[in-house]
């Protein structure tokens, strides 16, 4: 007997098998980049577009028509974006096309926004203390959000989650504000400065998350965070540096969420070779880990399931570095490979390891989601 969407997800989260693994798309880090999205609309003969809920990003649209065709078990809500501010005097002299609310400047390189201006690149500690950080409690962030979440929870049987309202956690925003190379140097050469900036930034992020989650807490099952700690072959930072600098700022944000929504689960997206950090994620309260980039070092799907499958729900894993962008048959094989590895015993949610890229043929995308819908408990459908 077929389960409801919500029942199916709740069984997976409690490490039990359902009628099939839950299927995900359009969350924080498993979306469809714009060029592929428009190709998919043509293939499916869909007119108009979905909701442009991440304006200015590489994957701007959520389309519930596609979600339903693909058997997606989720609906996601996301904080609204504050209105853009006029350039300030310092920004007028910067060669950037637009700025975010943190003061970072961007240019479009092809379809992708690329950061070209880091406002704290040369800042002193005093400059950090006086910097105009965003208002975490800007009222427009939550405009209509509780009503939307209540609708999805009360009027449908989808599992409702809260997407990341910002692109990263404290480390990421220190990179944005300071420049990645400069902030990595700070962590080795000026530890006091690095800790101070992380503390300031994580305070803002913690308050922002708490303000965002509080009105929707009764309706959501998990809260999503994103931050990349892995490269293709190694960690971005040694485990010791993660513990020294990143662990407490992250957990400050997690605690802020748990204070306003004690029962929600915590979801983390992190690309790359993060196997060594998985025990740190679990100890810090993470319940669901997304990406599971299978070609990154140490991220073999079967091995991850064997070692961590009783403690952590796995989300994603579809190979975007080869498996999805070959032939249709190769894409189907890729989907079955991840389902076979992660599904036994529950604790798995099917989806891509990151945003689906323009080099994935739209036909392959349809094929892998059809495969997931046919995949039943106990084996291949």
Protein backbone atom coordinates (compact mmCIF):
# COMPACT_ATOMS: atom_id res chain seq x y z
CA UNK A 1 0.00 0.00 0.00
CA UNK A 2 1.40 3.39 -1.01
CA UNK A 3 2.39 5.73 1.80
CA UNK A 4 1.74 9.44 2.00
CA UNK A 5 4.68 11.72 1.26
CA UNK A 6 5.05 12.63 4.93
CA UNK A 7 4.82 9.04 6.15
CA UNK A 8 7.49 7.98 3.67
CA UNK A 9 9.94 10.66 4.83
CA UNK A 10 9.26 10.08 8.52
CA UNK A 11 10.02 6.38 8.12
CA UNK A 12 13.31 7.16 6.40
CA UNK A 13 14.24 9.61 9.16
CA UNK A 14 13.61 6.92 11.77
CA UNK A 15 15.84 4.43 9.87
CA UNK A 16 12.97 2.29 8.64
CA UNK A 17 12.14 1.31 5.09
CA UNK A 18 8.97 2.55 3.45
CA UNK A 19 7.29 1.60 0.20
CA UNK A 20 10.16 3.35 -1.59
CA UNK A 21 12.91 5.79 -0.58
CA UNK A 22 11.75 9.42 -0.37
CA UNK A 23 12.61 11.58 -3.37
CA UNK A 24 14.02 15.12 -3.07
CA UNK A 25 14.41 18.09 -5.39
CA UNK A 26 14.31 21.90 -5.03
CA UNK A 27 15.84 22.09 -1.55
CA UNK A 28 18.88 24.07 -0.47
CA UNK A 29 21.49 22.25 -2.55
CA UNK A 30 19.59 19.89 -4.85
CA UNK A 31 18.04 22.24 -7.36
CA UNK A 32 18.17 22.61 -11.15
CA UNK A 33 20.51 25.25 -12.56
CA UNK A 34 18.74 27.72 -14.82
CA UNK A 35 19.94 26.49 -18.27
CA UNK A 36 18.97 22.88 -17.48
CA UNK A 37 15.68 24.02 -15.97
CA UNK A 38 14.66 25.77 -19.18
CA UNK A 39 15.69 22.71 -21.22
CA UNK A 40 13.53 20.57 -18.95
CA UNK A 41 10.55 22.87 -19.43
CA UNK A 42 10.86 22.36 -23.19
CA UNK A 43 11.20 18.59 -22.87
CA UNK A 44 8.15 18.35 -20.60
CA UNK A 45 6.18 20.84 -22.72
CA UNK A 46 5.54 23.10 -19.73
CA UNK A 47 4.71 26.75 -20.30
CA UNK A 48 5.62 29.57 -17.95
CA UNK A 49 7.99 29.07 -15.03
CA UNK A 50 7.82 28.07 -11.42
CA UNK A 51 8.52 30.32 -8.45
CA UNK A 52 11.67 32.43 -8.61
CA UNK A 53 12.46 31.96 -4.92
CA UNK A 54 16.27 32.34 -5.13
CA UNK A 55 16.74 35.42 -7.33
CA UNK A 56 20.30 36.03 -8.44
CA UNK A 57 21.45 32.46 -7.75
CA UNK A 58 22.53 29.82 -10.26
CA UNK A 59 19.37 27.77 -9.62
CA UNK A 60 16.64 30.34 -9.15
CA UNK A 61 13.41 28.39 -9.66
CA UNK A 62 11.24 25.98 -7.70
CA UNK A 63 8.64 24.31 -9.90
CA UNK A 64 5.98 22.23 -8.16
CA UNK A 65 4.77 20.85 -11.50
CA UNK A 66 8.13 19.17 -12.00
CA UNK A 67 8.26 18.10 -8.36
CA UNK A 68 4.95 16.28 -8.74
CA UNK A 69 5.96 14.66 -12.04
CA UNK A 70 9.16 13.43 -10.38
CA UNK A 71 7.42 12.04 -7.27
CA UNK A 72 9.07 14.51 -4.89
CA UNK A 73 7.94 14.02 -1.29
CA UNK A 74 8.81 17.53 -0.06
CA UNK A 75 7.78 21.12 -0.07
CA UNK A 76 10.34 23.70 1.08
CA UNK A 77 9.91 27.19 2.44
CA UNK A 78 12.61 29.85 2.34
CA UNK A 79 13.08 33.26 3.90
CA UNK A 80 12.35 36.18 1.62
CA UNK A 81 15.20 38.32 0.32
CA UNK A 82 15.41 41.85 1.75
CA UNK A 83 15.05 44.62 -0.78
CA UNK A 84 18.30 45.67 -2.44
CA UNK A 85 19.88 48.82 -1.06
CA UNK A 86 21.40 51.62 -3.08
CA UNK A 87 25.16 51.60 -3.44
CA UNK A 88 27.02 53.37 -0.66
CA UNK A 89 29.85 55.77 -1.36
CA UNK A 90 32.55 53.15 -0.96
CA UNK A 91 30.78 50.77 -3.31
CA UNK A 92 30.45 53.44 -6.00
CA UNK A 93 34.17 53.10 -6.73
CA UNK A 94 34.02 49.29 -7.01
CA UNK A 95 33.84 47.48 -10.34
CA UNK A 96 30.86 45.29 -9.40
CA UNK A 97 27.44 45.02 -11.01
CA UNK A 98 25.45 44.41 -7.82
CA UNK A 99 25.89 43.93 -4.07
CA UNK A 100 24.29 41.68 -1.51
CA UNK A 101 23.06 42.76 1.92
CA UNK A 102 26.46 41.93 3.45
CA UNK A 103 28.13 44.49 1.15
CA UNK A 104 29.85 41.92 -1.09
CA UNK A 105 30.05 42.83 -4.79
CA UNK A 106 29.34 40.59 -7.78
CA UNK A 107 29.60 40.40 -11.55
CA UNK A 108 27.85 37.96 -13.86
CA UNK A 109 30.31 35.62 -15.58
CA UNK A 110 28.11 33.86 -18.10
CA UNK A 111 25.02 32.86 -16.11
CA UNK A 112 26.89 32.70 -12.79
CA UNK A 113 27.20 35.52 -10.22
CA UNK A 114 30.89 35.78 -9.29
CA UNK A 115 32.10 37.68 -6.23
CA UNK A 116 34.58 40.42 -7.10
CA UNK A 117 34.54 42.62 -4.01
CA UNK A 118 35.20 41.65 -0.39
CA UNK A 119 34.34 44.62 1.85
CA UNK A 120 36.49 43.59 4.83
CA UNK A 121 39.53 42.49 2.83
CA UNK A 122 41.75 45.08 4.50
CA UNK A 123 39.77 45.64 7.69
CA UNK A 124 41.13 46.01 11.19
CA UNK A 125 39.45 44.52 14.24
CA UNK A 126 37.92 47.92 15.02
CA UNK A 127 36.49 48.07 11.51
CA UNK A 128 34.77 44.73 12.12
CA UNK A 129 33.12 46.09 15.27
CA UNK A 130 31.72 49.08 13.38
CA UNK A 131 30.79 47.25 10.17
CA UNK A 132 27.11 47.52 9.11
CA UNK A 133 26.14 43.85 9.14
CA UNK A 134 22.67 42.93 7.80
CA UNK A 135 19.63 43.26 10.03
CA UNK A 136 18.85 39.64 10.99
CA UNK A 137 15.29 40.55 11.97
CA UNK A 138 14.34 42.47 8.82
CA UNK A 139 10.54 42.00 8.74
CA UNK A 140 10.44 41.28 5.02
CA UNK A 141 12.38 38.03 5.60
CA UNK A 142 9.31 36.31 7.01
CA UNK A 143 6.54 38.10 5.13
CA UNK A 144 3.79 35.51 4.51
CA UNK A 145 6.11 32.67 5.48
CA UNK A 146 4.08 31.21 8.35
CA UNK A 147 0.96 31.12 6.17
CA UNK A 148 2.85 29.32 3.41
CA UNK A 149 4.33 26.74 5.78
CA UNK A 150 0.94 26.20 7.46
CA UNK A 151 -0.67 25.59 4.08
CA UNK A 152 1.85 22.93 3.08
CA UNK A 153 1.58 21.25 6.48
CA UNK A 154 -2.18 21.34 7.01
CA UNK A 155 -3.57 21.17 3.47
CA UNK A 156 -1.18 18.62 1.93
CA UNK A 157 0.70 15.52 3.00
CA UNK A 158 4.14 16.73 1.86
CA UNK A 159 7.03 16.79 4.30
CA UNK A 160 7.86 20.46 4.90
CA UNK A 161 11.39 21.77 5.43
CA UNK A 162 13.05 25.17 5.85
CA UNK A 163 15.74 25.90 3.28
CA UNK A 164 18.90 27.75 4.14
CA UNK A 165 18.08 31.48 4.12
CA UNK A 166 21.68 32.40 3.25
CA UNK A 167 24.49 30.82 1.24
CA UNK A 168 26.63 29.40 3.99
CA UNK A 169 27.54 29.53 7.65
CA UNK A 170 30.13 31.57 9.52
CA UNK A 171 33.23 30.35 7.68
CA UNK A 172 31.66 31.03 4.30
CA UNK A 173 30.68 34.58 5.18
CA UNK A 174 34.15 35.28 6.53
CA UNK A 175 35.43 34.15 3.11
CA UNK A 176 32.92 36.45 1.39
CA UNK A 177 33.73 39.44 3.58
CA UNK A 178 37.48 38.96 3.75
CA UNK A 179 38.34 36.92 0.66
CA UNK A 180 38.94 33.17 0.94
CA UNK A 181 42.73 33.30 0.70
CA UNK A 182 42.97 36.15 3.20
CA UNK A 183 40.72 34.50 5.77
CA UNK A 184 42.54 31.18 5.48
CA UNK A 185 45.74 33.14 6.21
CA UNK A 186 44.00 34.80 9.17
CA UNK A 187 43.29 31.39 10.72
CA UNK A 188 47.00 30.60 10.68
CA UNK A 189 48.64 34.01 11.11
CA UNK A 190 46.16 36.09 13.13
CA UNK A 191 44.04 33.69 15.14
CA UNK A 192 42.60 36.37 17.41
CA UNK A 193 41.29 38.32 14.42
CA UNK A 194 39.85 35.17 12.83
CA UNK A 195 38.02 34.16 16.00
CA UNK A 196 36.65 37.67 16.41
CA UNK A 197 35.26 37.84 12.89
CA UNK A 198 33.77 34.35 13.16
CA UNK A 199 32.12 35.31 16.43
CA UNK A 200 30.59 38.48 14.98
CA UNK A 201 29.36 36.76 11.83
CA UNK A 202 27.94 33.74 13.67
CA UNK A 203 26.02 36.05 16.01
CA UNK A 204 24.30 37.61 12.99
CA UNK A 205 23.59 34.23 11.39
CA UNK A 206 22.26 32.72 14.63
CA UNK A 207 19.86 35.62 15.12
CA UNK A 208 18.78 35.48 11.47
CA UNK A 209 18.02 31.75 11.66
CA UNK A 210 16.11 32.10 14.93
CA UNK A 211 14.01 34.96 13.53
CA UNK A 212 13.30 32.95 10.37
CA UNK A 213 12.46 29.64 12.03
CA UNK A 214 10.38 30.80 15.00
CA UNK A 215 7.13 31.54 13.09
CA UNK A 216 7.28 28.33 11.02
CA UNK A 217 8.51 25.93 13.73
CA UNK A 218 5.16 24.10 14.16
CA UNK A 219 5.06 23.13 10.49
CA UNK A 220 8.58 22.08 9.49
CA UNK A 221 10.43 18.82 10.01
CA UNK A 222 13.99 19.94 9.44
CA UNK A 223 16.11 23.06 8.96
CA UNK A 224 18.77 23.20 6.24
CA UNK A 225 22.30 24.60 6.44
CA UNK A 226 25.00 24.70 3.78
CA UNK A 227 28.76 25.04 4.05
CA UNK A 228 31.47 23.28 2.03
CA UNK A 229 34.32 21.76 4.03
CA UNK A 230 35.68 19.37 1.43
CA UNK A 231 37.73 19.51 -1.75
CA UNK A 232 37.85 16.71 -4.29
CA UNK A 233 40.74 14.90 -2.61
CA UNK A 234 40.90 16.27 0.93
CA UNK A 235 39.34 18.52 3.53
CA UNK A 236 39.47 22.26 3.02
CA UNK A 237 40.82 22.57 6.57
CA UNK A 238 42.39 19.93 8.81
CA UNK A 239 40.04 18.45 11.39
CA UNK A 240 41.97 20.26 14.13
CA UNK A 241 41.33 23.64 12.48
CA UNK A 242 37.65 22.78 12.10
CA UNK A 243 37.46 22.07 15.83
CA UNK A 244 39.45 25.18 16.73
CA UNK A 245 37.63 27.71 14.54
CA UNK A 246 34.46 26.38 12.92
CA UNK A 247 32.80 23.98 15.34
CA UNK A 248 31.61 26.50 17.94
CA UNK A 249 30.34 29.17 15.50
CA UNK A 250 28.32 26.50 13.69
CA UNK A 251 26.92 25.00 16.86
CA UNK A 252 25.96 28.47 18.07
CA UNK A 253 23.65 28.68 15.05
CA UNK A 254 22.32 25.15 15.61
CA UNK A 255 21.55 25.97 19.26
CA UNK A 256 19.71 29.13 18.22
CA UNK A 257 17.47 27.06 15.94
CA UNK A 258 16.85 24.43 18.60
CA UNK A 259 15.82 27.09 21.11
CA UNK A 260 12.93 28.21 18.90
CA UNK A 261 12.19 24.79 17.35
CA UNK A 262 13.34 22.03 19.72
CA UNK A 263 11.89 19.17 17.69
CA UNK A 264 13.30 19.95 14.24
CA UNK A 265 16.07 17.91 12.72
CA UNK A 266 19.23 19.56 11.39
CA UNK A 267 20.33 19.11 7.77
CA UNK A 268 23.80 19.99 6.48
CA UNK A 269 24.99 20.22 2.89
CA UNK A 270 28.73 19.92 2.44
CA UNK A 271 30.48 19.02 -0.79
CA UNK A 272 33.71 17.15 -1.19
CA UNK A 273 35.84 14.75 0.80
CA UNK A 274 34.34 15.31 4.26
CA UNK A 275 34.46 11.77 5.65
CA UNK A 276 36.87 12.74 8.45
CA UNK A 277 34.44 15.43 9.59
CA UNK A 278 31.34 13.24 9.71
CA UNK A 279 31.89 12.34 13.40
CA UNK A 280 32.17 16.08 14.11
CA UNK A 281 28.91 16.74 12.28
CA UNK A 282 27.13 14.01 14.23
CA UNK A 283 28.52 15.24 17.56
CA UNK A 284 27.39 18.78 16.67
CA UNK A 285 23.79 17.69 16.21
CA UNK A 286 23.49 17.11 12.47
CA UNK A 287 20.82 14.52 11.62
CA UNK A 288 20.87 14.58 7.79
CA UNK A 289 23.98 14.92 5.60
CA UNK A 290 23.59 15.99 1.99
CA UNK A 291 25.90 15.88 -1.00
CA UNK A 292 27.70 12.53 -0.56
CA UNK A 293 29.76 13.38 -3.64
CA UNK A 294 30.71 9.84 -4.67
CA UNK A 295 33.91 10.64 -6.61
CA UNK A 296 35.42 12.64 -3.76
CA UNK A 297 38.08 10.87 -1.72
CA UNK A 298 36.67 8.62 0.99
CA UNK A 299 33.03 9.16 -0.02
CA UNK A 300 32.22 5.70 -1.37
CA UNK A 301 28.48 5.22 -0.85
CA UNK A 302 28.55 1.63 0.45
CA UNK A 303 31.34 2.45 2.87
CA UNK A 304 29.57 5.54 4.23
CA UNK A 305 26.37 3.56 4.75
CA UNK A 306 28.22 0.81 6.59
CA UNK A 307 30.10 3.16 8.92
CA UNK A 308 27.57 5.91 9.61
CA UNK A 309 24.22 4.57 8.42
CA UNK A 310 22.85 3.97 11.91
CA UNK A 311 23.59 7.53 13.08
CA UNK A 312 23.05 9.75 10.07
CA UNK A 313 20.37 10.02 7.41
CA UNK A 314 21.94 10.29 3.95
CA UNK A 315 20.49 12.64 1.34
CA UNK A 316 21.59 12.83 -2.29
CA UNK A 317 24.65 11.11 -3.70
CA UNK A 318 23.83 11.12 -7.42
CA UNK A 319 27.12 11.58 -9.25
CA UNK A 320 27.20 14.86 -11.15
CA UNK A 321 30.81 14.37 -12.26
CA UNK A 322 30.04 11.64 -14.76
CA UNK A 323 27.12 9.45 -13.78
CA UNK A 324 24.38 11.90 -14.68
CA UNK A 325 25.86 13.40 -17.84
CA UNK A 326 26.50 10.28 -19.89
CA UNK A 327 23.95 8.23 -21.79
CA UNK A 328 20.42 7.70 -20.53
CA UNK A 329 21.31 4.11 -19.60
CA UNK A 330 24.39 5.28 -17.67
CA UNK A 331 22.25 7.79 -15.76
CA UNK A 332 19.76 5.08 -14.82
CA UNK A 333 22.62 2.83 -13.68
CA UNK A 334 23.90 5.71 -11.56
CA UNK A 335 20.51 6.14 -9.89
CA UNK A 336 20.28 2.41 -9.14
CA UNK A 337 23.82 2.36 -7.78
CA UNK A 338 22.99 5.01 -5.14
CA UNK A 339 19.62 3.48 -4.30
CA UNK A 340 21.16 0.03 -3.83
CA UNK A 341 23.94 1.42 -1.64
CA UNK A 342 21.99 3.75 0.64
CA UNK A 343 18.42 2.42 0.80
CA UNK A 344 18.66 -0.81 2.85
CA UNK A 345 17.38 -0.26 6.38
CA UNK A 346 15.97 3.18 5.62
CA UNK A 347 17.79 6.40 6.39
CA UNK A 348 18.14 7.49 2.76
CA UNK A 349 16.55 10.26 0.67
CA UNK A 350 17.16 10.08 -3.07
CA UNK A 351 18.50 13.13 -4.90
CA UNK A 352 21.52 14.71 -6.57
CA UNK A 353 24.75 15.49 -4.76
CA UNK A 354 24.39 19.17 -5.60
CA UNK A 355 22.51 21.43 -7.99
CA UNK A 356 21.90 19.64 -11.28
CA UNK A 357 24.25 21.21 -13.81
CA UNK A 358 23.74 22.29 -17.45
CA UNK A 359 25.84 19.33 -18.69
CA UNK A 360 23.18 16.88 -17.46
CA UNK A 361 20.85 16.06 -20.37
CA UNK A 362 17.23 16.83 -19.49
CA UNK A 363 16.27 13.32 -20.68
CA UNK A 364 18.64 11.82 -18.10
CA UNK A 365 17.07 13.86 -15.34
CA UNK A 366 13.62 12.53 -16.20
CA UNK A 367 14.97 8.97 -16.41
CA UNK A 368 16.62 8.93 -12.98
CA UNK A 369 13.55 10.29 -11.24
CA UNK A 370 11.35 7.75 -13.01
CA UNK A 371 13.78 5.08 -11.81
CA UNK A 372 13.55 6.29 -8.21
CA UNK A 373 9.75 6.25 -8.31
CA UNK A 374 9.77 2.62 -9.46
CA UNK A 375 12.34 1.53 -6.87
CA UNK A 376 10.49 -0.41 -4.17
CA UNK A 377 11.42 -1.63 -0.72
CA UNK A 378 13.62 -4.66 -0.98
CA UNK A 379 15.14 -3.94 -4.35
CA UNK A 380 14.74 -2.57 -7.85
CA UNK A 381 11.22 -1.96 -9.13
